[in-house]
N, C-alpha and C. Protein backbone atom coordinates (compact mmCIF):
# COMPACT_ATOMS: atom_id res chain seq x y z
N MET A 1 0.74 -1.00 -0.14
CA MET A 1 0.06 0.06 -0.07
C MET A 1 0.95 1.20 -0.08
N GLU A 2 2.06 1.13 0.26
CA GLU A 2 3.22 2.40 0.42
C GLU A 2 3.28 2.73 -0.95
N ILE A 3 3.57 1.81 -2.03
CA ILE A 3 3.68 2.48 -3.38
C ILE A 3 2.19 3.47 -3.71
N VAL A 4 1.09 2.57 -3.30
CA VAL A 4 -0.42 3.53 -3.72
C VAL A 4 -0.23 4.57 -3.20
N GLU A 5 0.29 5.00 -1.85
CA GLU A 5 0.17 6.59 -1.25
C GLU A 5 1.39 7.08 -2.13
N GLN A 6 2.58 6.50 -2.69
CA GLN A 6 3.55 7.36 -3.30
C GLN A 6 2.97 7.84 -4.86
N GLU A 7 2.29 6.74 -5.39
CA GLU A 7 1.06 7.59 -6.75
C GLU A 7 0.65 8.67 -6.37
N ILE A 8 -0.52 8.43 -5.39
CA ILE A 8 -1.47 9.27 -5.02
C ILE A 8 -0.32 10.71 -4.69
N GLU A 9 0.39 10.71 -3.97
CA GLU A 9 1.25 11.96 -3.77
C GLU A 9 1.77 12.20 -4.98
N LYS A 10 2.21 11.74 -5.98
CA LYS A 10 2.57 12.36 -6.96
C LYS A 10 1.66 13.28 -7.79
N VAL A 11 0.18 12.53 -7.68
CA VAL A 11 -0.86 13.58 -8.02
C VAL A 11 -1.68 14.56 -7.63
N LEU A 12 -1.44 14.46 -6.18
CA LEU A 12 -1.95 15.39 -5.68
C LEU A 12 -1.95 16.65 -5.51
N PRO A 13 -0.74 17.20 -5.97
CA PRO A 13 -0.98 19.02 -6.44
C PRO A 13 -1.46 19.59 -7.39
N ALA A 14 -1.58 18.45 -8.59
CA ALA A 14 -2.75 18.52 -9.73
C ALA A 14 -3.90 18.83 -9.13
N PHE A 15 -4.19 17.82 -8.28
CA PHE A 15 -5.75 17.63 -7.64
C PHE A 15 -6.31 19.25 -7.18
N ARG A 16 -4.95 19.44 -5.85
CA ARG A 16 -4.99 20.83 -5.31
C ARG A 16 -5.27 22.06 -6.22
N ALA A 17 -4.37 21.93 -7.47
CA ALA A 17 -4.27 23.03 -8.30
C ALA A 17 -5.83 23.33 -9.14
N ALA A 18 -6.05 22.26 -9.16
CA ALA A 18 -7.74 21.86 -10.05
C ALA A 18 -8.76 22.45 -9.01
N LEU A 19 -8.47 21.73 -7.77
CA LEU A 19 -9.66 22.55 -6.97
C LEU A 19 -9.16 24.07 -6.57
N HIS A 20 -8.14 24.89 -6.67
CA HIS A 20 -7.60 26.03 -6.33
C HIS A 20 -8.32 26.54 -7.65
N CYS A 21 -8.05 26.08 -8.58
CA CYS A 21 -8.64 26.83 -9.84
C CYS A 21 -10.12 26.71 -10.48
N GLU A 22 -11.07 26.07 -9.04
CA GLU A 22 -12.31 25.91 -9.13
C GLU A 22 -12.82 24.67 -10.39
N LEU A 23 -11.69 24.20 -10.99
CA LEU A 23 -12.01 23.14 -11.84
C LEU A 23 -12.68 21.88 -11.48
N LEU A 24 -12.30 21.38 -10.33
CA LEU A 24 -13.16 20.69 -9.41
C LEU A 24 -13.78 21.21 -8.10
N SER A 25 -14.74 20.47 -7.67
CA SER A 25 -14.92 20.67 -6.14
C SER A 25 -14.54 19.98 -5.45
N GLU A 26 -14.62 20.36 -4.09
CA GLU A 26 -13.46 19.32 -3.03
C GLU A 26 -14.37 18.13 -2.81
N PRO A 27 -15.57 17.95 -2.85
CA PRO A 27 -15.93 16.56 -2.86
C PRO A 27 -15.80 15.56 -4.06
N GLU A 28 -15.67 16.30 -5.04
CA GLU A 28 -14.96 15.49 -6.23
C GLU A 28 -13.68 15.40 -6.14
N VAL A 29 -12.84 15.66 -5.76
CA VAL A 29 -11.78 15.83 -5.42
C VAL A 29 -11.35 14.48 -4.85
N LYS A 30 -12.28 14.59 -3.53
CA LYS A 30 -12.56 13.75 -2.39
C LYS A 30 -12.36 11.88 -2.97
N SER A 31 -13.46 12.27 -3.96
CA SER A 31 -14.36 11.39 -4.48
C SER A 31 -13.11 10.50 -5.36
N LEU A 32 -12.63 11.12 -6.37
CA LEU A 32 -11.84 11.21 -7.62
C LEU A 32 -10.65 10.44 -6.51
N LEU A 33 -10.02 10.72 -5.42
CA LEU A 33 -8.79 10.28 -4.87
C LEU A 33 -9.20 8.84 -4.29
N GLN A 34 -10.17 8.93 -3.17
CA GLN A 34 -10.52 7.49 -3.24
C GLN A 34 -10.69 6.50 -4.25
N GLN A 35 -11.24 6.73 -5.20
CA GLN A 35 -11.74 5.90 -6.37
C GLN A 35 -10.17 5.68 -7.04
N ARG A 36 -9.07 6.73 -7.11
CA ARG A 36 -7.87 6.66 -7.33
C ARG A 36 -7.34 5.41 -6.61
N LYS A 37 -7.30 5.63 -5.42
CA LYS A 37 -6.43 4.37 -4.77
C LYS A 37 -6.84 3.33 -4.67
N LYS A 38 -8.14 2.72 -4.60
CA LYS A 38 -8.60 1.74 -5.41
C LYS A 38 -7.76 1.16 -6.74
N ASP A 39 -8.11 2.49 -7.45
CA ASP A 39 -7.40 1.82 -8.99
C ASP A 39 -6.08 1.80 -9.02
N GLU A 40 -5.09 2.24 -8.44
CA GLU A 40 -3.60 2.14 -8.15
C GLU A 40 -3.52 1.02 -7.69
N ALA A 41 -3.99 0.66 -6.34
CA ALA A 41 -4.16 -0.95 -5.90
C ALA A 41 -4.17 -1.84 -6.96
N LYS A 42 -5.26 -2.08 -7.64
CA LYS A 42 -5.45 -3.10 -8.79
C LYS A 42 -4.54 -2.70 -9.59
N LEU A 43 -3.64 -1.85 -10.03
CA LEU A 43 -2.52 -1.90 -11.15
C LEU A 43 -1.18 -2.69 -10.57
N ILE A 44 -0.78 -2.32 -9.33
CA ILE A 44 0.42 -2.72 -8.61
C ILE A 44 0.07 -4.65 -8.48
N LYS A 45 -0.90 -4.86 -8.30
CA LYS A 45 -1.04 -6.54 -7.82
C LYS A 45 -0.47 -7.37 -9.06
N ARG A 46 0.35 -8.69 -8.33
CA ARG A 46 1.17 -9.15 -9.38
C ARG A 46 0.31 -9.60 -10.44
N GLU A 47 -1.15 -10.27 -10.25
CA GLU A 47 -1.86 -10.47 -11.28
C GLU A 47 -2.63 -9.54 -12.05
N SER A 48 -2.15 -8.28 -12.52
CA SER A 48 -2.97 -7.57 -13.14
C SER A 48 -3.61 -8.21 -14.35
N LYS A 49 -4.98 -6.99 -13.92
CA LYS A 49 -6.05 -7.46 -15.50
C LYS A 49 -5.92 -6.36 -16.59
N LYS A 50 -6.24 -7.01 -17.75
CA LYS A 50 -6.20 -5.87 -18.76
C LYS A 50 -7.38 -4.63 -18.37
N GLU A 51 -8.53 -5.32 -17.95
CA GLU A 51 -9.25 -4.57 -17.91
C GLU A 51 -9.44 -3.09 -16.80
N ASP A 52 -8.32 -3.68 -15.63
CA ASP A 52 -8.22 -2.76 -14.49
C ASP A 52 -7.13 -1.56 -15.17
N PHE A 53 -6.10 -1.57 -16.38
CA PHE A 53 -5.62 -0.77 -16.94
C PHE A 53 -6.57 -0.10 -17.74
N LEU A 54 -7.44 -0.98 -18.28
CA LEU A 54 -8.65 0.12 -19.16
C LEU A 54 -9.58 0.84 -18.58
N ASN A 55 -10.02 0.30 -17.19
CA ASN A 55 -10.74 1.25 -16.57
C ASN A 55 -10.05 2.45 -15.96
N PHE A 56 -8.69 2.43 -15.70
CA PHE A 56 -8.09 3.59 -15.15
C PHE A 56 -8.04 4.52 -16.18
N VAL A 57 -7.61 3.93 -17.17
CA VAL A 57 -7.65 4.88 -18.56
C VAL A 57 -8.65 5.66 -18.87
N ALA A 58 -9.90 4.79 -18.68
CA ALA A 58 -11.30 5.38 -19.29
C ALA A 58 -11.57 6.08 -18.17
N ARG A 59 -11.22 6.09 -16.84
CA ARG A 59 -11.62 7.03 -15.74
C ARG A 59 -10.98 8.17 -15.94
N ASP A 60 -9.50 8.45 -15.98
CA ASP A 60 -8.80 9.61 -16.00
C ASP A 60 -9.08 10.16 -17.47
N SER A 61 -9.89 9.80 -18.65
CA SER A 61 -9.57 10.31 -19.66
C SER A 61 -11.18 11.03 -19.26
N ILE A 62 -12.05 10.65 -18.51
CA ILE A 62 -13.32 11.08 -18.51
C ILE A 62 -13.34 12.77 -17.66
N MET A 63 -12.05 12.05 -16.44
CA MET A 63 -11.97 13.67 -15.36
C MET A 63 -11.35 14.30 -16.46
N LEU A 64 -10.34 14.63 -17.30
CA LEU A 64 -9.91 15.35 -18.42
C LEU A 64 -10.69 15.76 -19.15
N LYS A 65 -11.33 15.13 -19.55
CA LYS A 65 -12.66 15.74 -20.19
C LYS A 65 -13.40 16.75 -19.42
N LEU A 66 -13.64 16.43 -18.24
CA LEU A 66 -14.78 17.04 -17.63
C LEU A 66 -13.72 18.51 -17.22
N ILE A 67 -12.39 18.59 -16.52
CA ILE A 67 -11.89 19.64 -16.89
C ILE A 67 -11.50 20.57 -17.71
N ASN A 68 -11.28 19.99 -18.77
CA ASN A 68 -11.61 20.71 -19.89
C ASN A 68 -12.66 21.59 -20.26
N LYS A 69 -13.92 20.93 -20.01
CA LYS A 69 -15.03 21.41 -20.09
C LYS A 69 -15.17 22.79 -19.52
N ARG A 70 -14.92 22.53 -18.29
CA ARG A 70 -15.07 23.76 -17.22
C ARG A 70 -13.94 24.56 -17.25
N ARG A 71 -12.89 24.08 -18.08
CA ARG A 71 -11.76 25.49 -18.16
C ARG A 71 -12.02 25.99 -19.19
N LEU A 72 -12.80 25.27 -20.31
CA LEU A 72 -13.61 26.42 -21.06
C LEU A 72 -14.72 27.06 -20.92
N ALA A 73 -15.39 26.78 -20.24
CA ALA A 73 -16.87 27.54 -19.38
C ALA A 73 -16.13 28.35 -18.64
N LEU A 74 -15.16 28.33 -18.30
CA LEU A 74 -14.55 29.36 -16.88
C LEU A 74 -13.73 30.64 -17.74
N LYS A 75 -13.15 30.22 -18.94
CA LYS A 75 -12.39 30.52 -19.95
C LYS A 75 -10.94 30.95 -19.06
N PHE A 76 -10.46 29.82 -18.51
CA PHE A 76 -9.34 29.71 -17.59
C PHE A 76 -8.21 28.96 -18.42
N ASN A 77 -7.28 29.71 -18.83
CA ASN A 77 -6.11 28.80 -19.94
C ASN A 77 -4.88 28.79 -19.10
N HIS A 78 -4.87 28.71 -17.79
CA HIS A 78 -3.67 28.78 -17.24
C HIS A 78 -3.62 27.47 -16.60
N LYS A 79 -2.20 27.16 -16.28
CA LYS A 79 -1.83 25.85 -15.18
C LYS A 79 -2.30 24.76 -15.91
N LEU A 80 -2.27 24.63 -17.37
CA LEU A 80 -2.38 23.33 -17.89
C LEU A 80 -1.29 21.95 -17.54
N ILE A 81 0.18 22.64 -17.32
CA ILE A 81 0.96 21.95 -16.82
C ILE A 81 0.76 21.06 -15.65
N GLU A 82 0.57 22.36 -14.66
CA GLU A 82 0.26 21.84 -13.25
C GLU A 82 -0.60 20.98 -13.08
N ILE A 83 -1.71 20.27 -14.10
CA ILE A 83 -3.06 19.97 -13.71
C ILE A 83 -3.15 18.86 -14.69
N GLU A 84 -3.72 18.83 -16.16
CA GLU A 84 -3.92 18.23 -17.40
C GLU A 84 -2.40 17.48 -17.58
N TYR A 85 -1.42 18.36 -17.57
CA TYR A 85 -0.27 17.01 -18.11
C TYR A 85 0.18 16.23 -17.16
N VAL A 86 -0.27 16.38 -15.68
CA VAL A 86 0.32 15.28 -14.49
C VAL A 86 -0.49 14.23 -15.34
N PHE A 87 -2.07 14.46 -15.17
CA PHE A 87 -2.53 13.21 -15.41
C PHE A 87 -2.15 12.44 -16.81
N VAL A 88 -1.77 13.11 -17.40
CA VAL A 88 -1.33 12.52 -18.99
C VAL A 88 -0.13 11.78 -18.97
N THR A 89 0.81 12.31 -18.42
CA THR A 89 1.88 11.99 -17.87
C THR A 89 1.99 10.29 -17.39
N LYS A 90 0.92 10.38 -16.43
CA LYS A 90 0.67 9.42 -15.55
C LYS A 90 0.20 8.09 -16.37
N LEU A 91 -0.94 8.48 -17.16
CA LEU A 91 -1.51 7.94 -18.26
C LEU A 91 -0.55 7.14 -19.15
N ASN A 92 0.28 8.16 -19.86
CA ASN A 92 1.24 7.63 -20.87
C ASN A 92 2.20 6.47 -19.87
N LYS A 93 2.63 6.50 -18.71
CA LYS A 93 3.56 5.40 -17.74
C LYS A 93 2.25 4.54 -17.63
N VAL A 94 1.36 4.19 -17.64
CA VAL A 94 0.23 3.23 -17.30
C VAL A 94 0.00 2.20 -18.62
N LEU A 95 -0.27 3.14 -19.56
CA LEU A 95 0.01 2.23 -21.11
C LEU A 95 0.91 1.92 -21.63
N LYS A 96 2.36 2.63 -20.90
CA LYS A 96 3.43 1.87 -21.33
C LYS A 96 3.99 0.48 -20.88
N ARG A 97 3.19 0.51 -19.78
CA ARG A 97 2.66 -0.59 -18.69
C ARG A 97 2.24 -1.64 -19.44
N ALA A 98 1.16 -1.28 -19.85
CA ALA A 98 0.08 -2.48 -20.35
C ALA A 98 0.66 -2.57 -21.59
N HIS A 99 1.57 -2.08 -22.27
CA HIS A 99 2.06 -2.66 -23.49
C HIS A 99 3.12 -3.61 -23.19
N ARG A 100 3.65 -3.41 -22.30
CA ARG A 100 4.61 -4.58 -21.68
C ARG A 100 4.23 -6.09 -21.45
N LEU A 101 2.88 -5.60 -20.49
CA LEU A 101 2.17 -6.92 -20.25
C LEU A 101 1.20 -7.58 -21.19
N TRP A 102 0.93 -6.74 -22.14
CA TRP A 102 -0.09 -7.41 -23.36
C TRP A 102 0.13 -6.80 -24.57
N SER A 103 1.47 -7.17 -25.01
CA SER A 103 1.98 -6.36 -26.20
C SER A 103 1.42 -6.80 -27.72
N ASN A 104 0.94 -7.51 -27.80
CA ASN A 104 -0.18 -8.23 -28.70
C ASN A 104 -1.74 -7.45 -28.86
N ASP A 105 -1.92 -6.71 -28.07
CA ASP A 105 -3.09 -6.31 -28.14
C ASP A 105 -3.06 -4.82 -28.79
N GLU A 106 -3.67 -4.54 -30.38
CA GLU A 106 -3.33 -3.67 -30.58
C GLU A 106 -4.36 -2.41 -30.18
N ASN A 107 -5.68 -2.45 -29.47
CA ASN A 107 -6.69 -2.07 -29.06
C ASN A 107 -5.75 -0.73 -27.87
N ILE A 108 -4.57 -1.52 -27.07
CA ILE A 108 -3.70 -0.56 -26.10
C ILE A 108 -3.04 -0.12 -27.13
N TRP A 109 -2.73 -0.27 -27.83
CA TRP A 109 -1.40 0.71 -28.56
C TRP A 109 -2.32 1.67 -29.58
N LYS A 110 -3.70 1.51 -29.99
CA LYS A 110 -4.46 2.03 -30.36
C LYS A 110 -4.99 3.42 -29.07
N THR A 111 -5.28 3.11 -28.13
CA THR A 111 -5.62 4.00 -27.10
C THR A 111 -4.67 4.89 -26.70
N HIS A 112 -3.26 4.51 -26.66
CA HIS A 112 -2.00 5.03 -26.21
C HIS A 112 -1.61 6.20 -27.56
N ILE A 113 -2.00 5.69 -28.53
CA ILE A 113 -1.85 6.70 -29.87
C ILE A 113 -2.72 7.75 -29.53
N GLU A 114 -4.13 7.61 -29.21
CA GLU A 114 -5.25 8.83 -29.56
C GLU A 114 -4.66 9.52 -28.17
N LEU A 115 -4.32 9.24 -27.14
CA LEU A 115 -4.17 9.92 -25.99
C LEU A 115 -2.93 10.59 -26.24
N LEU A 116 -1.90 10.47 -26.82
CA LEU A 116 -0.76 11.35 -26.82
C LEU A 116 -0.95 12.47 -28.23
N GLU A 117 -2.22 11.50 -29.44
CA GLU A 117 -2.27 12.66 -30.42
C GLU A 117 -3.15 13.89 -29.72
N LYS A 118 -4.22 13.37 -28.98
CA LYS A 118 -5.28 14.50 -28.36
C LYS A 118 -4.50 15.59 -27.55
N TRP A 119 -3.70 15.15 -26.84
CA TRP A 119 -2.93 16.06 -26.14
C TRP A 119 -1.55 16.79 -26.78
N ASN A 120 -1.24 16.16 -28.06
CA ASN A 120 0.22 16.67 -28.68
C ASN A 120 1.13 16.66 -28.28
N LYS A 121 1.15 15.39 -27.68
CA LYS A 121 2.94 14.81 -27.01
C LYS A 121 3.46 14.21 -28.41
N ARG A 122 4.29 15.08 -29.14
CA ARG A 122 4.56 14.50 -30.12
C ARG A 122 6.36 13.82 -30.12
N THR A 123 6.73 14.00 -29.36
CA THR A 123 7.90 13.10 -28.76
C THR A 123 7.78 11.75 -28.37
N GLN A 124 6.61 12.13 -27.76
CA GLN A 124 6.13 10.51 -26.85
C GLN A 124 5.89 9.66 -28.15
N LEU A 125 4.92 10.43 -29.02
CA LEU A 125 4.28 9.65 -30.31
C LEU A 125 5.09 9.10 -31.05
N SER A 126 6.41 9.79 -31.08
CA SER A 126 7.23 9.60 -32.36
C SER A 126 7.66 8.17 -31.92
N LYS A 127 7.97 8.12 -30.49
CA LYS A 127 8.55 6.54 -30.12
C LYS A 127 7.53 5.61 -30.02
N LEU A 128 6.48 6.30 -30.01
CA LEU A 128 5.54 4.98 -29.55
C LEU A 128 5.19 4.50 -31.06
N TYR A 129 5.58 5.23 -32.02
CA TYR A 129 4.76 4.74 -33.33
C TYR A 129 6.44 3.95 -33.75
N GLU A 130 7.64 4.25 -33.55
CA GLU A 130 8.79 3.51 -33.75
C GLU A 130 8.40 1.98 -33.29
N GLU A 131 7.91 2.02 -31.90
CA GLU A 131 7.85 0.77 -31.05
C GLU A 131 6.68 -0.40 -31.88
N TYR A 132 5.49 0.79 -31.95
CA TYR A 132 4.26 -0.01 -32.36
C TYR A 132 4.78 -0.80 -33.88
N VAL A 133 5.35 0.16 -34.73
CA VAL A 133 5.97 -0.51 -35.88
C VAL A 133 6.75 -1.73 -36.04
N ALA A 134 7.56 -1.61 -34.88
CA ALA A 134 8.86 -2.62 -34.71
C ALA A 134 7.94 -4.03 -34.14
N LYS A 135 6.77 -3.51 -33.47
CA LYS A 135 6.03 -4.96 -32.91
C LYS A 135 4.89 -5.35 -34.02
N PHE A 136 4.41 -4.61 -35.00
CA PHE A 136 3.76 -5.16 -35.93
C PHE A 136 4.25 -4.75 -37.11
N PRO A 137 5.34 -5.21 -37.73
CA PRO A 137 5.94 -4.74 -38.87
C PRO A 137 5.18 -5.51 -40.40
N HIS A 138 4.12 -6.52 -39.89
CA HIS A 138 3.33 -6.86 -41.21
C HIS A 138 2.12 -6.41 -41.47
N ASN A 139 1.69 -5.48 -40.38
CA ASN A 139 0.45 -5.00 -40.61
C ASN A 139 0.84 -3.43 -41.27
N THR A 140 0.15 -3.29 -42.43
CA THR A 140 0.20 -2.20 -43.35
C THR A 140 -0.17 -0.89 -42.61
N ASN A 141 -1.39 -1.22 -42.03
CA ASN A 141 -2.10 -0.10 -41.28
C ASN A 141 -1.21 0.79 -40.35
N VAL A 142 -0.28 0.11 -39.63
CA VAL A 142 0.65 0.32 -38.66
C VAL A 142 1.56 1.53 -39.52
N TRP A 143 2.06 0.71 -40.53
CA TRP A 143 2.96 1.75 -41.14
C TRP A 143 2.39 2.47 -41.85
N ILE A 144 1.27 2.86 -42.35
CA ILE A 144 0.75 4.16 -43.15
C ILE A 144 0.59 5.36 -41.70
N GLU A 145 -0.04 5.03 -40.81
CA GLU A 145 -0.22 5.61 -39.63
C GLU A 145 1.25 6.36 -39.19
N ALA A 146 2.15 5.49 -39.00
CA ALA A 146 3.31 6.30 -38.96
C ALA A 146 3.60 7.59 -39.47
N ALA A 147 3.85 6.35 -41.05
CA ALA A 147 4.08 7.41 -41.72
C ALA A 147 3.44 8.83 -41.97
N ARG A 148 2.12 8.74 -41.78
CA ARG A 148 1.36 9.93 -41.66
C ARG A 148 1.57 11.17 -40.67
N PHE A 149 2.18 10.37 -39.73
CA PHE A 149 2.64 10.95 -38.34
C PHE A 149 4.03 11.98 -38.64
N GLN A 150 4.61 10.95 -39.29
CA GLN A 150 6.09 11.91 -39.68
C GLN A 150 5.88 12.94 -40.84
N ILE A 151 4.89 12.88 -41.82
CA ILE A 151 4.79 13.70 -42.69
C ILE A 151 4.22 15.14 -41.46
N GLU A 152 3.27 14.97 -40.91
CA GLU A 152 2.36 15.79 -40.45
C GLU A 152 3.72 16.55 -39.45
N ARG A 153 4.29 15.64 -38.68
CA ARG A 153 5.52 16.39 -38.10
C ARG A 153 6.23 16.96 -38.75
N ASN A 154 6.82 16.66 -39.83
CA ASN A 154 7.77 17.27 -40.59
C ASN A 154 7.21 18.29 -41.11
N GLY A 155 6.01 18.48 -41.77
CA GLY A 155 5.39 19.45 -42.25
C GLY A 155 4.98 20.70 -40.99
N SER A 156 4.90 20.52 -39.91
CA SER A 156 4.56 21.39 -38.93
C SER A 156 5.94 22.17 -38.86
N GLU A 157 7.06 21.26 -38.73
CA GLU A 157 8.48 21.48 -38.26
C GLU A 157 8.87 22.78 -39.11
N SER A 158 8.90 22.30 -40.18
CA SER A 158 9.30 23.20 -41.41
C SER A 158 8.49 24.67 -41.57
N SER A 159 7.31 24.50 -41.29
CA SER A 159 6.32 25.62 -41.35
C SER A 159 6.63 26.61 -40.14
N VAL A 160 7.27 26.28 -39.06
CA VAL A 160 7.64 27.05 -37.69
C VAL A 160 9.17 27.95 -38.27
């Protein structure tokens, strides 16, 4: 349980910042933290289940959507790094671990790609595409997606 507490402490400043910016209410934060403790405990079990990982990702994705909607309603564009990016970084780590455990599950790879594309994490996305192509070299759709990403990336870098 010590590991769970350490993981909670890593995201606690993000929850405090969301509370301070009025993007989340105090009861919501308490509820999210309680649920997060349960979810973190499921992730560190020796016999982890794929569903536990997917539920964790789904719950955090929903929370990020909620924060984003409230951010738009309040027209509050500050503290993205202190709030959302903390959760995106955690999701990135959780999905990387899921890749190691269930490396043949393409749905996990696609979920990870969607997350990184949505949050414009281009460096991590580039590395992920390299791993994805290496894992599924005979899947032409994977090659096409990776090539499309590289073309978009090179186009946006040259226009800067």
